[in-house]
Amino acid sequence: MSNNNNKLLHKLKRWLIYSILLFVGFTSLVVIVLGFLPINTSAFMVQQHITDFKADKAYTSVKQDWIKRANISPHIFSAVVASEDQLFYQHHGFDFDSIFSALKKRSSGGKIRGASTISQQVAKNLFLSPSRSLWRKGFEVWFTLLIELFWSKERILLTYVNIAEFGDHLFGVQAASKHYFAIPAKKLSPQQAALLAASLPNPILFKVDKPTEYLLEKKQWILRQMRNLNYI
């Protein structure tokens, strides 16, 4: 009986090792390939359709157009970095100071501010669901590491502005620019880019076409940050 148990345990260990190696190899390959291709869908876009289906809503197509960096105003890149992740070019996927600060505020009962970097948001939006489970957070860490390892900072930022949610069934800066301003993303002004960035990461609550006083104040703050960082 002992020998049988040992054999079973050995098989389970071998199966676990093979499964881990398969997962590592497959996810790495997916991230590497996506580093070279236009990305025209994401887990968050798919989740939008799932949410509609569960709510018994009629099918509504997602508006999103992947466009190259040359066709995007540099102001939107500057605005999202100034707003979301000013240490984007210095860190390797995680802003530990912000993470520790958020944990400290949580332990003291204070209001928690998001500590996710742009790299983490790309990992979450592209591969994962909006849930907040520990499993999902673990996968977010893994995909963030892969993205930082295999992609350049420029690729990460390009992907972010192309798949970020900017409204109801509205993803990517090109679709957002056409919807809100009737112009292509290449013609975005600093003010327009700052307003789009101000709506992130909750454009359903903070509507670009119906800006609240808070959203307009955040827009002005982003513009000041862009100037301080010598982006404009």
Protein backbone atom coordinates (compact mmCIF):
# COMPACT_ATOMS: atom_id res chain seq x y z
CA MET A 1 0.00 0.00 0.00
CA SER A 2 2.86 2.35 0.84
CA ASN A 3 4.49 1.76 -2.54
CA ASN A 4 1.21 2.51 -4.31
CA ASN A 5 0.85 5.75 -2.35
CA ASN A 6 4.39 6.75 -3.21
CA LYS A 7 3.77 6.06 -6.90
CA LEU A 8 0.57 8.08 -6.82
CA LEU A 9 2.31 10.96 -5.08
CA HIS A 10 5.13 10.85 -7.62
CA LYS A 11 2.62 10.96 -10.50
CA LEU A 12 0.80 13.90 -8.93
CA LYS A 13 4.05 15.82 -8.47
CA ARG A 14 5.05 15.11 -12.06
CA TRP A 15 1.62 16.18 -13.32
CA LEU A 16 1.86 19.39 -11.29
CA ILE A 17 5.32 20.20 -12.66
CA TYR A 18 4.19 19.54 -16.24
CA SER A 19 1.08 21.69 -15.73
CA ILE A 20 3.13 24.59 -14.37
CA LEU A 21 5.64 24.34 -17.23
CA LEU A 22 2.79 24.21 -19.76
CA PHE A 23 1.14 27.26 -18.21
CA VAL A 24 4.40 29.22 -18.13
CA GLY A 25 5.25 28.28 -21.72
CA PHE A 26 1.78 28.95 -23.12
CA THR A 27 1.24 32.30 -21.40
CA SER A 28 4.74 33.44 -22.33
CA LEU A 29 4.14 32.54 -25.97
CA VAL A 30 0.82 34.40 -26.01
CA VAL A 31 2.39 37.55 -24.55
CA ILE A 32 5.33 37.39 -26.98
CA VAL A 33 3.03 37.02 -30.01
CA LEU A 34 0.72 39.84 -28.88
CA GLY A 35 3.76 42.07 -28.63
CA PHE A 36 3.88 42.18 -32.44
CA LEU A 37 0.22 42.06 -33.51
CA PRO A 38 -2.65 44.55 -33.50
CA ILE A 39 -4.91 43.75 -30.54
CA ASN A 40 -8.56 44.08 -31.51
CA THR A 41 -10.19 42.50 -28.48
CA SER A 42 -9.53 41.97 -24.79
CA ALA A 43 -10.94 40.15 -21.79
CA PHE A 44 -12.74 43.35 -20.74
CA MET A 45 -14.38 43.69 -24.16
CA VAL A 46 -15.55 40.07 -24.00
CA GLN A 47 -16.77 40.68 -20.45
CA GLN A 48 -18.91 43.54 -21.77
CA HIS A 49 -20.79 41.10 -24.01
CA ILE A 50 -21.14 38.61 -21.16
CA THR A 51 -22.59 41.33 -18.93
CA ASP A 52 -25.07 42.31 -21.65
CA PHE A 53 -26.11 38.68 -22.09
CA LYS A 54 -26.65 38.16 -18.36
CA ALA A 55 -28.73 41.34 -18.22
CA ASP A 56 -30.77 40.09 -21.20
CA LYS A 57 -29.80 43.12 -23.27
CA ALA A 58 -29.76 43.22 -27.05
CA TYR A 59 -26.38 42.66 -28.67
CA THR A 60 -24.37 45.86 -28.94
CA SER A 61 -21.08 45.86 -30.79
CA VAL A 62 -17.94 47.14 -29.13
CA LYS A 63 -16.34 50.15 -30.81
CA GLN A 64 -12.56 49.82 -30.95
CA ASP A 65 -9.95 50.39 -33.61
CA TRP A 66 -6.33 49.48 -33.08
CA ILE A 67 -4.09 52.18 -34.55
CA LYS A 68 -0.33 52.63 -34.74
CA ARG A 69 1.60 55.06 -32.58
CA ALA A 70 2.19 57.37 -35.55
CA ASN A 71 -1.59 57.85 -35.82
CA ILE A 72 -2.04 58.85 -32.17
CA SER A 73 -1.48 62.27 -30.67
CA PRO A 74 1.51 62.22 -28.29
CA HIS A 75 -0.64 64.20 -25.84
CA ILE A 76 -2.73 61.14 -24.91
CA PHE A 77 0.39 59.17 -23.98
CA SER A 78 1.58 62.08 -21.87
CA ALA A 79 -1.83 62.53 -20.26
CA VAL A 80 -2.27 58.90 -19.15
CA VAL A 81 1.27 58.75 -17.75
CA ALA A 82 0.77 62.04 -15.89
CA SER A 83 -2.58 60.88 -14.57
CA GLU A 84 -2.17 57.17 -13.94
CA ASP A 85 1.49 56.31 -13.48
CA GLN A 86 4.15 59.03 -13.36
CA LEU A 87 6.87 56.49 -12.57
CA PHE A 88 5.94 54.35 -15.58
CA TYR A 89 9.34 54.67 -17.22
CA GLN A 90 11.23 54.03 -13.96
CA HIS A 91 9.51 50.95 -12.47
CA HIS A 92 9.41 47.37 -13.73
CA GLY A 93 5.66 46.87 -13.56
CA PHE A 94 4.94 47.63 -9.90
CA ASP A 95 5.04 50.87 -7.93
CA PHE A 96 5.86 49.46 -4.51
CA ASP A 97 5.74 52.83 -2.76
CA SER A 98 2.14 53.31 -3.91
CA ILE A 99 1.26 49.73 -2.99
CA PHE A 100 2.65 50.10 0.55
CA SER A 101 0.94 53.48 0.91
CA ALA A 102 -2.41 51.97 -0.15
CA LEU A 103 -1.98 49.08 2.29
CA LYS A 104 -1.13 51.50 5.09
CA LYS A 105 -4.25 53.56 4.39
CA ARG A 106 -6.33 50.40 4.31
CA SER A 107 -5.00 49.21 7.67
CA SER A 108 -5.77 52.60 9.22
CA GLY A 109 -9.29 52.64 7.77
CA GLY A 110 -8.59 55.41 5.31
CA LYS A 111 -9.84 55.76 1.76
CA ILE A 112 -7.93 53.49 -0.59
CA ARG A 113 -6.52 54.97 -3.78
CA GLY A 114 -5.67 52.67 -6.67
CA ALA A 115 -2.01 51.63 -6.80
CA SER A 116 -2.08 49.80 -10.14
CA THR A 117 0.51 50.80 -12.70
CA ILE A 118 -0.24 51.10 -16.41
CA SER A 119 1.47 47.72 -16.92
CA GLN A 120 -0.85 46.12 -14.36
CA GLN A 121 -3.89 47.69 -16.00
CA VAL A 122 -2.84 46.34 -19.40
CA ALA A 123 -2.44 42.86 -17.89
CA LYS A 124 -5.85 43.07 -16.24
CA ASN A 125 -7.74 44.58 -19.18
CA LEU A 126 -6.17 42.30 -21.77
CA PHE A 127 -6.23 38.93 -20.04
CA LEU A 128 -8.43 38.97 -16.93
CA SER A 129 -11.85 39.75 -15.51
CA PRO A 130 -12.79 42.80 -13.42
CA SER A 131 -13.17 40.62 -10.28
CA ARG A 132 -11.07 41.37 -7.21
CA SER A 133 -10.32 37.82 -6.04
CA LEU A 134 -6.86 36.81 -4.82
CA TRP A 135 -6.58 34.34 -7.72
CA ARG A 136 -7.22 37.11 -10.24
CA LYS A 137 -4.71 39.38 -8.50
CA GLY A 138 -2.14 36.61 -8.65
CA PHE A 139 -2.66 36.16 -12.38
CA GLU A 140 -2.43 39.94 -12.80
CA VAL A 141 1.00 39.90 -11.16
CA TRP A 142 2.12 37.06 -13.44
CA PHE A 143 0.94 38.69 -16.67
CA THR A 144 2.41 42.03 -15.58
CA LEU A 145 5.80 40.34 -15.14
CA LEU A 146 5.54 38.77 -18.61
CA ILE A 147 4.51 42.04 -20.24
CA GLU A 148 7.38 43.92 -18.63
CA LEU A 149 9.79 41.15 -19.62
CA PHE A 150 8.81 40.78 -23.28
CA TRP A 151 7.38 44.19 -24.26
CA SER A 152 8.98 47.60 -24.47
CA LYS A 153 7.51 50.49 -22.48
CA GLU A 154 6.33 52.00 -25.77
CA ARG A 155 4.42 48.80 -26.63
CA ILE A 156 2.81 48.69 -23.19
CA LEU A 157 1.67 52.30 -23.46
CA LEU A 158 0.43 51.82 -27.03
CA THR A 159 -1.61 48.81 -25.97
CA TYR A 160 -3.03 50.67 -22.99
CA VAL A 161 -4.43 53.57 -24.99
CA ASN A 162 -5.75 51.18 -27.66
CA ILE A 163 -7.71 48.89 -25.30
CA ALA A 164 -8.63 51.15 -22.36
CA GLU A 165 -12.35 51.61 -21.76
CA PHE A 166 -13.51 55.17 -22.45
CA GLY A 167 -17.27 54.70 -22.26
CA ASP A 168 -20.19 52.33 -22.74
CA HIS A 169 -19.01 49.73 -25.30
CA LEU A 170 -16.27 52.21 -26.22
CA PHE A 171 -12.65 51.10 -26.10
CA GLY A 172 -9.43 52.65 -27.36
CA VAL A 173 -8.41 56.22 -28.01
CA GLN A 174 -9.39 56.20 -31.70
CA ALA A 175 -12.99 55.23 -31.04
CA ALA A 176 -13.15 57.65 -28.11
CA SER A 177 -11.75 60.56 -30.13
CA LYS A 178 -14.26 60.02 -32.92
CA HIS A 179 -17.17 59.53 -30.52
CA TYR A 180 -16.55 62.48 -28.21
CA PHE A 181 -14.74 64.99 -30.41
CA ALA A 182 -15.44 63.86 -34.00
CA ILE A 183 -11.73 63.81 -34.78
CA PRO A 184 -9.12 61.05 -35.22
CA ALA A 185 -6.83 60.31 -32.29
CA LYS A 186 -3.92 61.94 -34.11
CA LYS A 187 -5.54 65.39 -33.73
CA LEU A 188 -6.21 65.28 -29.98
CA SER A 189 -5.22 68.48 -28.22
CA PRO A 190 -3.63 68.48 -24.73
CA GLN A 191 -6.98 69.55 -23.25
CA GLN A 192 -8.92 66.78 -24.99
CA ALA A 193 -6.29 64.18 -24.09
CA ALA A 194 -6.35 65.29 -20.46
CA LEU A 195 -10.15 65.00 -20.35
CA LEU A 196 -10.01 61.45 -21.73
CA ALA A 197 -7.32 60.51 -19.23
CA ALA A 198 -9.34 62.07 -16.41
CA SER A 199 -12.20 59.65 -17.07
CA LEU A 200 -9.94 56.65 -16.41
CA PRO A 201 -10.27 54.12 -14.91
CA ASN A 202 -14.05 54.59 -14.53
CA PRO A 203 -15.47 56.24 -17.67
CA ILE A 204 -18.95 54.91 -16.95
CA LEU A 205 -19.09 57.03 -13.79
CA PHE A 206 -16.99 59.95 -15.07
CA LYS A 207 -18.49 60.71 -18.47
CA VAL A 208 -16.39 62.64 -20.97
CA ASP A 209 -19.47 64.05 -22.73
CA LYS A 210 -21.08 65.08 -19.43
CA PRO A 211 -18.13 66.15 -17.29
CA THR A 212 -18.75 66.83 -13.63
CA GLU A 213 -16.95 69.55 -11.69
CA TYR A 214 -14.68 66.85 -10.27
CA LEU A 215 -13.79 65.58 -13.74
CA LEU A 216 -12.99 69.09 -14.98
CA GLU A 217 -10.80 69.72 -11.91
CA LYS A 218 -8.98 66.45 -12.53
CA LYS A 219 -8.47 67.47 -16.16
CA GLN A 220 -6.81 70.70 -15.03
CA TRP A 221 -4.66 68.78 -12.55
CA ILE A 222 -3.50 66.45 -15.34
CA LEU A 223 -2.61 69.41 -17.54
CA ARG A 224 -0.53 70.87 -14.70
CA GLN A 225 1.22 67.54 -14.24
CA MET A 226 1.93 67.35 -17.98
CA ARG A 227 3.54 70.78 -17.80
CA ASN A 228 5.54 69.87 -14.68
CA LEU A 229 6.81 66.76 -16.45
CA ASN A 230 7.70 68.86 -19.54
CA TYR A 231 5.24 66.94 -21.72
CA ILE A 232 3.63 70.16 -23.00
